[in-house]
C-alpha atoms as a PDB file:
ATOM      1  CA  MET A   1      40.968 -70.805  53.986  1.00  0.00           C
ATOM      2  CA  ARG A   2      43.869 -72.097  54.371  1.00  0.00           C
ATOM      3  CA  LEU A   3      42.620 -74.944  56.829  1.00  0.00           C
ATOM      4  CA  LEU A   4      40.627 -76.039  53.454  1.00  0.00           C
ATOM      5  CA  SER A   5      43.786 -75.407  51.210  1.00  0.00           C
ATOM      6  CA  VAL A   6      45.132 -77.915  53.822  1.00  0.00           C
ATOM      7  CA  VAL A   7      42.443 -80.224  53.462  1.00  0.00           C
ATOM      8  CA  ALA A   8      42.559 -80.272  49.322  1.00  0.00           C
ATOM      9  CA  PHE A   9      46.175 -80.653  49.692  1.00  0.00           C
ATOM     10  CA  LEU A  10      45.859 -84.140  51.996  1.00  0.00           C
ATOM     11  CA  ILE A  11      43.074 -85.166  50.156  1.00  0.00           C
ATOM     12  CA  ILE A  12      45.044 -85.021  46.546  1.00  0.00           C
ATOM     13  CA  SER A  13      48.404 -85.752  47.685  1.00  0.00           C
ATOM     14  CA  PHE A  14      49.365 -87.982  50.755  1.00  0.00           C
ATOM     15  CA  SER A  15      52.487 -87.916  48.797  1.00  0.00           C
ATOM     16  CA  ALA A  16      54.534 -89.906  51.478  1.00  0.00           C
ATOM     17  CA  LEU A  17      52.535 -92.851  50.814  1.00  0.00           C
ATOM     18  CA  ALA A  18      54.865 -95.511  48.639  1.00  0.00           C
ATOM     19  CA  GLY A  19      53.555 -98.752  47.309  1.00  0.00           C
ATOM     20  CA  ILE A  20      50.259 -98.633  48.924  1.00  0.00           C
ATOM     21  CA  ASN A  21      48.172-101.802  47.890  1.00  0.00           C
ATOM     22  CA  ILE A  22      45.115-100.275  46.112  1.00  0.00           C
ATOM     23  CA  ARG A  23      43.615-100.709  42.928  1.00  0.00           C
ATOM     24  CA  PRO A  24      44.300 -97.921  40.369  1.00  0.00           C
ATOM     25  CA  GLY A  25      41.454 -96.052  39.086  1.00  0.00           C
ATOM     26  CA  LEU A  26      38.433 -93.805  40.171  1.00  0.00           C
ATOM     27  CA  TRP A  27      37.867 -93.773  43.822  1.00  0.00           C
ATOM     28  CA  SER A  28      34.984 -92.509  45.770  1.00  0.00           C
ATOM     29  CA  VAL A  29      35.977 -90.584  49.107  1.00  0.00           C
ATOM     30  CA  LYS A  30      33.580 -89.528  51.595  1.00  0.00           C
ATOM     31  CA  MET A  31      34.585 -87.101  54.633  1.00  0.00           C
ATOM     32  CA  LYS A  32      33.576 -85.733  57.662  1.00  0.00           C
ATOM     33  CA  MET A  33      34.978 -82.982  59.272  1.00  0.00           C
ATOM     34  CA  SER A  34      34.972 -80.977  62.347  1.00  0.00           C
ATOM     35  CA  SER A  35      36.322 -78.100  63.974  1.00  0.00           C
ATOM     36  CA  ASN A  36      36.786 -77.022  67.531  1.00  0.00           C
ATOM     37  CA  GLY A  37      34.038 -79.555  67.835  1.00  0.00           C
ATOM     38  CA  GLN A  38      31.744 -78.203  65.655  1.00  0.00           C
ATOM     39  CA  SER A  39      30.812 -80.696  62.363  1.00  0.00           C
ATOM     40  CA  PHE A  40      30.763 -79.270  58.601  1.00  0.00           C
ATOM     41  CA  ASP A  41      30.552 -80.181  55.169  1.00  0.00           C
ATOM     42  CA  PRO A  42      34.328 -79.794  53.671  1.00  0.00           C
ATOM     43  CA  ALA A  43      33.144 -79.455  50.314  1.00  0.00           C
ATOM     44  CA  ALA A  44      30.547 -76.890  50.847  1.00  0.00           C
ATOM     45  CA  LYS A  45      32.947 -74.677  53.064  1.00  0.00           C
ATOM     46  CA  MET A  46      35.350 -75.194  49.821  1.00  0.00           C
ATOM     47  CA  LYS A  47      32.839 -74.024  47.625  1.00  0.00           C
ATOM     48  CA  ALA A  48      31.926 -70.990  49.701  1.00  0.00           C
ATOM     49  CA  ALA A  49      35.676 -69.964  50.392  1.00  0.00           C
ATOM     50  CA  MET A  50      36.267 -70.475  46.626  1.00  0.00           C
ATOM     51  CA  ALA A  51      33.267 -68.096  45.564  1.00  0.00           C
ATOM     52  CA  GLU A  52      34.857 -65.258  48.179  1.00  0.00           C
ATOM     53  CA  MET A  53      38.533 -65.406  46.517  1.00  0.00           C
ATOM     54  CA  PRO A  54      40.085 -63.391  43.659  1.00  0.00           C
ATOM     55  CA  PRO A  55      39.009 -64.522  40.440  1.00  0.00           C
ATOM     56  CA  GLU A  56      42.644 -65.251  39.678  1.00  0.00           C
ATOM     57  CA  GLN A  57      43.427 -67.193  42.904  1.00  0.00           C
ATOM     58  CA  ARG A  58      40.003 -68.978  42.498  1.00  0.00           C
ATOM     59  CA  LYS A  59      40.736 -70.233  38.719  1.00  0.00           C
ATOM     60  CA  LYS A  60      44.627 -71.505  40.143  1.00  0.00           C
ATOM     61  CA  MET A  61      42.585 -73.574  42.664  1.00  0.00           C
ATOM     62  CA  MET A  62      40.191 -74.895  40.208  1.00  0.00           C
ATOM     63  CA  GLU A  63      42.930 -75.893  37.935  1.00  0.00           C
ATOM     64  CA  MET A  64      44.949 -77.408  40.589  1.00  0.00           C
ATOM     65  CA  MET A  65      42.039 -79.471  41.876  1.00  0.00           C
ATOM     66  CA  SER A  66      39.894 -79.936  38.535  1.00  0.00           C
ATOM     67  CA  SER A  67      41.819 -82.782  36.848  1.00  0.00           C
ATOM     68  CA  LYS A  68      42.348 -84.669  40.239  1.00  0.00           C
ATOM     69  CA  LEU A  69      38.976 -84.180  42.091  1.00  0.00           C
ATOM     70  CA  SER A  70      35.341 -83.982  41.354  1.00  0.00           C
ATOM     71  CA  HIS A  71      32.588 -83.522  43.395  1.00  0.00           C
ATOM     72  CA  ASN A  72      29.016 -85.660  43.024  1.00  0.00           C
ATOM     73  CA  GLY A  73      26.968 -84.310  46.073  1.00  0.00           C
ATOM     74  CA  GLU A  74      28.365 -86.667  49.046  1.00  0.00           C
ATOM     75  CA  ALA A  75      31.845 -87.973  47.732  1.00  0.00           C
ATOM     76  CA  MET A  76      34.869 -86.428  46.094  1.00  0.00           C
ATOM     77  CA  GLN A  77      36.101 -88.574  43.228  1.00  0.00           C
ATOM     78  CA  VAL A  78      39.835 -89.167  42.957  1.00  0.00           C
ATOM     79  CA  CYS A  79      41.651 -90.987  40.086  1.00  0.00           C
ATOM     80  CA  TYR A  80      44.820 -92.688  41.488  1.00  0.00           C
ATOM     81  CA  THR A  81      47.213 -94.208  38.461  1.00  0.00           C
ATOM     82  CA  GLU A  82      49.240 -97.266  38.877  1.00  0.00           C
ATOM     83  CA  GLU A  83      52.230 -94.945  38.556  1.00  0.00           C
ATOM     84  CA  MET A  84      50.928 -92.777  41.519  1.00  0.00           C
ATOM     85  CA  LEU A  85      50.583 -95.560  43.892  1.00  0.00           C
ATOM     86  CA  LYS A  86      54.101 -96.976  43.055  1.00  0.00           C
ATOM     87  CA  GLU A  87      55.887 -93.848  43.348  1.00  0.00           C
ATOM     88  CA  ALA A  88      55.364 -91.841  46.671  1.00  0.00           C
ATOM     89  CA  HIS A  89      56.473 -88.521  45.092  1.00  0.00           C
ATOM     90  CA  THR A  90      53.821 -88.337  42.396  1.00  0.00           C
ATOM     91  CA  LEU A  91      50.871 -89.433  44.403  1.00  0.00           C
ATOM     92  CA  GLY A  92      49.453 -86.036  44.647  1.00  0.00           C
ATOM     93  CA  GLY A  93      51.087 -84.568  41.148  1.00  0.00           C
ATOM     94  CA  LYS A  94      52.684 -81.044  41.671  1.00  0.00           C
ATOM     95  CA  ARG A  95      52.896 -80.963  45.616  1.00  0.00           C
ATOM     96  CA  ASP A  96      52.468 -77.770  47.510  1.00  0.00           C
ATOM     97  CA  SER A  97      55.994 -76.737  48.535  1.00  0.00           C
ATOM     98  CA  ARG A  98      54.444 -74.922  51.523  1.00  0.00           C
ATOM     99  CA  CYS A  99      53.702 -78.047  53.541  1.00  0.00           C
ATOM    100  CA  LYS A 100      56.237 -80.991  53.940  1.00  0.00           C
ATOM    101  CA  SER A 101      54.956 -84.436  54.840  1.00  0.00           C
ATOM    102  CA  GLU A 102      56.644 -87.337  56.379  1.00  0.00           C
ATOM    103  CA  ILE A 103      56.164 -91.037  57.049  1.00  0.00           C
ATOM    104  CA  ILE A 104      56.155 -91.946  61.099  1.00  0.00           C
ATOM    105  CA  SER A 105      55.215 -95.720  60.554  1.00  0.00           C
ATOM    106  CA  GLN A 106      54.113 -97.678  57.759  1.00  0.00           C
ATOM    107  CA  THR A 107      53.081-101.158  57.666  1.00  0.00           C
ATOM    108  CA  PRO A 108      51.362-103.029  54.418  1.00  0.00           C
ATOM    109  CA  SER A 109      47.765-101.826  55.786  1.00  0.00           C
ATOM    110  CA  LYS A 110      48.415 -98.720  57.865  1.00  0.00           C
ATOM    111  CA  VAL A 111      50.924 -95.558  57.061  1.00  0.00           C
ATOM    112  CA  VAL A 112      50.905 -92.698  59.663  1.00  0.00           C
ATOM    113  CA  THR A 113      52.096 -89.618  58.592  1.00  0.00           C
ATOM    114  CA  SER A 114      53.002 -85.911  59.788  1.00  0.00           C
ATOM    115  CA  PHE A 115      52.834 -82.415  58.054  1.00  0.00           C
ATOM    116  CA  LYS A 116      53.861 -79.373  58.817  1.00  0.00           C
ATOM    117  CA  CYS A 117      52.942 -75.929  56.812  1.00  0.00           C
ATOM    118  CA  GLU A 118      54.890 -72.840  56.295  1.00  0.00           C
ATOM    119  CA  ASP A 119      51.956 -71.106  57.651  1.00  0.00           C
ATOM    120  CA  GLY A 120      52.131 -73.047  61.212  1.00  0.00           C
ATOM    121  CA  ALA A 121      49.464 -75.225  60.381  1.00  0.00           C
ATOM    122  CA  ARG A 122      50.584 -78.964  61.212  1.00  0.00           C
ATOM    123  CA  GLY A 123      49.093 -82.395  61.815  1.00  0.00           C
ATOM    124  CA  THR A 124      49.285 -85.962  61.731  1.00  0.00           C
ATOM    125  CA  GLY A 125      47.251 -88.596  59.362  1.00  0.00           C
ATOM    126  CA  MET A 126      46.515 -92.198  59.108  1.00  0.00           C
ATOM    127  CA  TRP A 127      45.448 -94.423  56.290  1.00  0.00           C
ATOM    128  CA  SER A 128      44.272 -98.071  57.032  1.00  0.00           C
ATOM    129  CA  ILE A 129      43.956 -99.965  54.041  1.00  0.00           C
ATOM    130  CA  THR A 130      41.421-102.779  54.476  1.00  0.00           C
ATOM    131  CA  SER A 131      41.302-104.355  50.686  1.00  0.00           C
ATOM    132  CA  ASP A 132      42.374-103.260  47.592  1.00  0.00           C
ATOM    133  CA  GLN A 133      39.201-101.672  46.790  1.00  0.00           C
ATOM    134  CA  LYS A 134      38.664-100.042  50.400  1.00  0.00           C
ATOM    135  CA  TYR A 135      40.564 -97.515  53.022  1.00  0.00           C
ATOM    136  CA  SER A 136      39.910 -95.280  55.830  1.00  0.00           C
ATOM    137  CA  GLY A 137      41.658 -92.888  57.597  1.00  0.00           C
ATOM    138  CA  SER A 138      41.881 -89.381  59.552  1.00  0.00           C
ATOM    139  CA  VAL A 139      43.373 -86.466  59.824  1.00  0.00           C
ATOM    140  CA  ASP A 140      44.226 -84.311  62.927  1.00  0.00           C
ATOM    141  CA  ILE A 141      45.039 -80.604  62.391  1.00  0.00           C
ATOM    142  CA  THR A 142      46.388 -77.881  64.031  1.00  0.00           C
ATOM    143  CA  THR A 143      45.909 -74.371  62.168  1.00  0.00           C
ATOM    144  CA  LYS A 144      48.065 -71.376  62.431  1.00  0.00           C
ATOM    145  CA  GLN A 145      45.741 -69.618  64.903  1.00  0.00           C
ATOM    146  CA  GLY A 146      45.523 -72.856  67.299  1.00  0.00           C
ATOM    147  CA  LYS A 147      42.397 -74.189  66.349  1.00  0.00           C
ATOM    148  CA  ASN A 148      41.923 -77.811  66.113  1.00  0.00           C
ATOM    149  CA  ALA A 149      40.406 -79.558  63.097  1.00  0.00           C
ATOM    150  CA  LYS A 150      39.807 -83.402  62.362  1.00  0.00           C
ATOM    151  CA  MET A 151      39.020 -85.075  59.216  1.00  0.00           C
ATOM    152  CA  ASP A 152      37.854 -88.507  58.807  1.00  0.00           C
ATOM    153  CA  TYR A 153      37.339 -90.342  55.299  1.00  0.00           C
ATOM    154  CA  GLU A 154      36.772 -93.542  53.375  1.00  0.00           C
ATOM    155  CA  GLY A 155      37.805 -94.299  50.270  1.00  0.00           C
ATOM    156  CA  GLU A 156      35.916 -96.857  47.977  1.00  0.00           C
ATOM    157  CA  PHE A 157      37.046 -98.334  44.559  1.00  0.00           C
ATOM    158  CA  VAL A 158      34.699 -97.181  41.854  1.00  0.00           C
ATOM    159  CA  SER A 159      35.812 -98.399  38.582  1.00  0.00           C
ATOM    160  CA  ALA A 160      39.380 -99.066  36.686  1.00  0.00           C
ATOM    161  CA  ASP A 161      38.311 -96.148  34.275  1.00  0.00           C
ATOM    162  CA  CYS A 162      39.033 -92.711  35.550  1.00  0.00           C
ATOM    163  CA  GLY A 163      36.515 -91.398  32.618  1.00  0.00           C
ATOM    164  CA  LYS A 164      37.388 -87.589  32.308  1.00  0.00           C
ATOM    165  CA  LEU A 165      38.752 -87.152  35.750  1.00  0.00           C
ATOM    166  CA  ARG A 166      42.718 -87.144  34.965  1.00  0.00           C
ATOM    167  CA  PRO A 167      45.391 -86.410  37.621  1.00  0.00           C
ATOM    168  CA  LYS A 168      48.062 -83.956  36.637  1.00  0.00           C
ATOM    169  CA  LYS A 169      51.863 -84.802  36.090  1.00  0.00           C
ATOM    170  CA  SER A 170      54.091 -83.558  38.210  1.00  0.00           C
END
């Protein structure tokens, strides 16, 4: 379950990205994930893991994610506001204090970050900004048990209007 929490943290935060040049609004993010060479659907894994959580923990996780993410079957939906894209510390709203991230390198079209969590999970991430309407990237994760996981993702701009999806304030 911790791997899925880290994935959720990374999807909604990437808090090290300051001033990225993409459009504010609703984005569709498709992901592919593998762990120790086996591919899996992170959304299905997250749903199954949440079903096994105690009600209080499940409610907390849903509250954290509900205003930031929705799932339409194939992709996660994320709302980025103009303020989030200008201010690094607000990209993920209230950050997970158990994980710290830092910028390794940054250019106008590419950002490389590293992260380390209190439980020992760690890794690196890369965002490549193709245009103001498209980005892609990958995250390499080593879990606290030493297992390796990789997530590849692509984000595509959908609309300037996020509809009902609203990011939480930090």
